[in-house]
Amino acid sequence: MICTTIRNGENCVFMTAKGCGYNEGACLPIVDECNGCQRIGEYETGLYCTTAPDPSLKWKNGNCNFATHIKAAEATKKQKVNPIKASKRR
């Protein structure tokens, strides 16, 4: 349904006919870790995440999975080399 509380006019999964069905009754503002993300929306009441209703929960256990300003460090998998096979290749 269309949000009528914080993100007025946008589609929201928590909005019902009775109002916002999220725990707090409305979306919560962004936290400091969100600064620089492309998913931040500026509304009349402040800055809010366009994908998560409570951004602090996304940052609770590490990096937010929706953060666009964080580059995920790729784990370089070092392949184990068998020394016997390596000597035969030479």
C-alpha atoms as a PDB file:
ATOM      1  CA  MET A   1       0.000   0.000   0.000  1.00  0.00           C
ATOM      2  CA  ILE A   2       0.974   3.627  -0.270  1.00  0.00           C
ATOM      3  CA  CYS A   3       2.658   5.086   2.828  1.00  0.00           C
ATOM      4  CA  THR A   4       0.851   7.922   4.576  1.00  0.00           C
ATOM      5  CA  THR A   5       3.221   8.477   7.527  1.00  0.00           C
ATOM      6  CA  ILE A   6       6.911   9.160   6.856  1.00  0.00           C
ATOM      7  CA  ARG A   7       7.528   8.258   3.204  1.00  0.00           C
ATOM      8  CA  ASN A   8       4.309   9.816   1.996  1.00  0.00           C
ATOM      9  CA  GLY A   9       3.299   8.618  -1.463  1.00  0.00           C
ATOM     10  CA  GLU A  10       5.737   5.693  -1.766  1.00  0.00           C
ATOM     11  CA  ASN A  11       4.874   2.002  -1.779  1.00  0.00           C
ATOM     12  CA  CYS A  12       5.424   0.346   1.618  1.00  0.00           C
ATOM     13  CA  VAL A  13       4.986  -3.282   2.699  1.00  0.00           C
ATOM     14  CA  PHE A  14       4.179  -2.284   6.299  1.00  0.00           C
ATOM     15  CA  MET A  15       1.295   0.035   5.449  1.00  0.00           C
ATOM     16  CA  THR A  16      -2.188  -1.351   6.092  1.00  0.00           C
ATOM     17  CA  ALA A  17      -5.657   0.130   6.063  1.00  0.00           C
ATOM     18  CA  LYS A  18      -5.289   0.791   9.807  1.00  0.00           C
ATOM     19  CA  GLY A  19      -1.968   2.621   9.379  1.00  0.00           C
ATOM     20  CA  CYS A  20       1.670   1.653   9.597  1.00  0.00           C
ATOM     21  CA  GLY A  21       2.078  -1.905  10.840  1.00  0.00           C
ATOM     22  CA  TYR A  22       5.776  -1.630  11.683  1.00  0.00           C
ATOM     23  CA  ASN A  23       6.824  -2.160  15.335  1.00  0.00           C
ATOM     24  CA  GLU A  24       7.387   1.509  16.104  1.00  0.00           C
ATOM     25  CA  GLY A  25       4.393   2.660  14.039  1.00  0.00           C
ATOM     26  CA  ALA A  26       6.611   4.453  11.528  1.00  0.00           C
ATOM     27  CA  CYS A  27      10.010   4.189   9.843  1.00  0.00           C
ATOM     28  CA  LEU A  28      13.026   5.280  11.873  1.00  0.00           C
ATOM     29  CA  PRO A  29      15.650   7.795  10.635  1.00  0.00           C
ATOM     30  CA  ILE A  30      19.029   6.710   9.310  1.00  0.00           C
ATOM     31  CA  VAL A  31      22.053   6.139  11.542  1.00  0.00           C
ATOM     32  CA  ASP A  32      25.556   7.596  11.082  1.00  0.00           C
ATOM     33  CA  GLU A  33      26.801   4.494   9.256  1.00  0.00           C
ATOM     34  CA  CYS A  34      24.267   5.126   6.474  1.00  0.00           C
ATOM     35  CA  ASN A  35      25.841   8.438   5.403  1.00  0.00           C
ATOM     36  CA  GLY A  36      26.963   8.184   1.775  1.00  0.00           C
ATOM     37  CA  CYS A  37      24.523   5.435   0.792  1.00  0.00           C
ATOM     38  CA  GLN A  38      22.476   5.870  -2.387  1.00  0.00           C
ATOM     39  CA  ARG A  39      19.374   4.383  -0.754  1.00  0.00           C
ATOM     40  CA  ILE A  40      18.798   7.410   1.480  1.00  0.00           C
ATOM     41  CA  GLY A  41      15.644   9.372   0.784  1.00  0.00           C
ATOM     42  CA  GLU A  42      15.108  12.924   1.958  1.00  0.00           C
ATOM     43  CA  TYR A  43      11.584  13.574   3.190  1.00  0.00           C
ATOM     44  CA  GLU A  44       9.844  16.404   5.015  1.00  0.00           C
ATOM     45  CA  THR A  45      10.609  14.869   8.417  1.00  0.00           C
ATOM     46  CA  GLY A  46      14.283  14.003   7.729  1.00  0.00           C
ATOM     47  CA  LEU A  47      16.488  11.388   6.090  1.00  0.00           C
ATOM     48  CA  TYR A  48      15.199   7.811   5.895  1.00  0.00           C
ATOM     49  CA  CYS A  49      16.327   4.571   4.278  1.00  0.00           C
ATOM     50  CA  THR A  50      14.210   3.640   1.271  1.00  0.00           C
ATOM     51  CA  THR A  51      14.631  -0.117   1.832  1.00  0.00           C
ATOM     52  CA  ALA A  52      14.783  -0.703   5.602  1.00  0.00           C
ATOM     53  CA  PRO A  53      12.309   0.687   8.155  1.00  0.00           C
ATOM     54  CA  ASP A  54      14.890   0.532  10.978  1.00  0.00           C
ATOM     55  CA  PRO A  55      18.434   1.013   9.639  1.00  0.00           C
ATOM     56  CA  SER A  56      20.032   0.523  13.070  1.00  0.00           C
ATOM     57  CA  LEU A  57      18.996  -3.151  12.975  1.00  0.00           C
ATOM     58  CA  LYS A  58      20.775  -3.595   9.647  1.00  0.00           C
ATOM     59  CA  TRP A  59      24.046  -2.314  11.155  1.00  0.00           C
ATOM     60  CA  LYS A  60      23.677  -4.231  14.422  1.00  0.00           C
ATOM     61  CA  ASN A  61      25.645  -7.331  13.369  1.00  0.00           C
ATOM     62  CA  GLY A  62      28.134  -5.713  10.974  1.00  0.00           C
ATOM     63  CA  ASN A  63      27.660  -4.051   7.611  1.00  0.00           C
ATOM     64  CA  CYS A  64      24.214  -3.437   6.164  1.00  0.00           C
ATOM     65  CA  ASN A  65      23.467  -5.738   3.235  1.00  0.00           C
ATOM     66  CA  PHE A  66      21.761  -2.866   1.370  1.00  0.00           C
ATOM     67  CA  ALA A  67      24.646  -0.374   1.778  1.00  0.00           C
ATOM     68  CA  THR A  68      25.840   0.931  -1.580  1.00  0.00           C
ATOM     69  CA  HIS A  69      28.781   2.868  -0.173  1.00  0.00           C
ATOM     70  CA  ILE A  70      30.517  -0.185   1.359  1.00  0.00           C
ATOM     71  CA  LYS A  71      32.686  -2.310  -0.895  1.00  0.00           C
ATOM     72  CA  ALA A  72      32.626  -5.967   0.085  1.00  0.00           C
ATOM     73  CA  ALA A  73      36.137  -7.319   0.408  1.00  0.00           C
ATOM     74  CA  GLU A  74      36.437 -10.259  -1.913  1.00  0.00           C
ATOM     75  CA  ALA A  75      37.965 -13.234  -0.230  1.00  0.00           C
ATOM     76  CA  THR A  76      40.897 -14.332  -2.329  1.00  0.00           C
ATOM     77  CA  LYS A  77      40.833 -18.053  -2.183  1.00  0.00           C
ATOM     78  CA  LYS A  78      44.350 -19.365  -2.308  1.00  0.00           C
ATOM     79  CA  GLN A  79      44.357 -22.725  -3.997  1.00  0.00           C
ATOM     80  CA  LYS A  80      46.379 -25.431  -2.368  1.00  0.00           C
ATOM     81  CA  VAL A  81      49.098 -26.805  -4.620  1.00  0.00           C
ATOM     82  CA  ASN A  82      50.112 -30.421  -4.477  1.00  0.00           C
ATOM     83  CA  PRO A  83      53.953 -30.384  -4.531  1.00  0.00           C
ATOM     84  CA  ILE A  84      54.191 -33.720  -6.366  1.00  0.00           C
ATOM     85  CA  LYS A  85      51.929 -32.589  -9.210  1.00  0.00           C
ATOM     86  CA  ALA A  86      53.671 -29.225  -9.353  1.00  0.00           C
ATOM     87  CA  SER A  87      57.064 -30.882  -9.848  1.00  0.00           C
ATOM     88  CA  LYS A  88      55.675 -33.016 -12.684  1.00  0.00           C
ATOM     89  CA  ARG A  89      54.332 -29.941 -14.513  1.00  0.00           C
ATOM     90  CA  ARG A  90      57.803 -28.435 -14.820  1.00  0.00           C
END
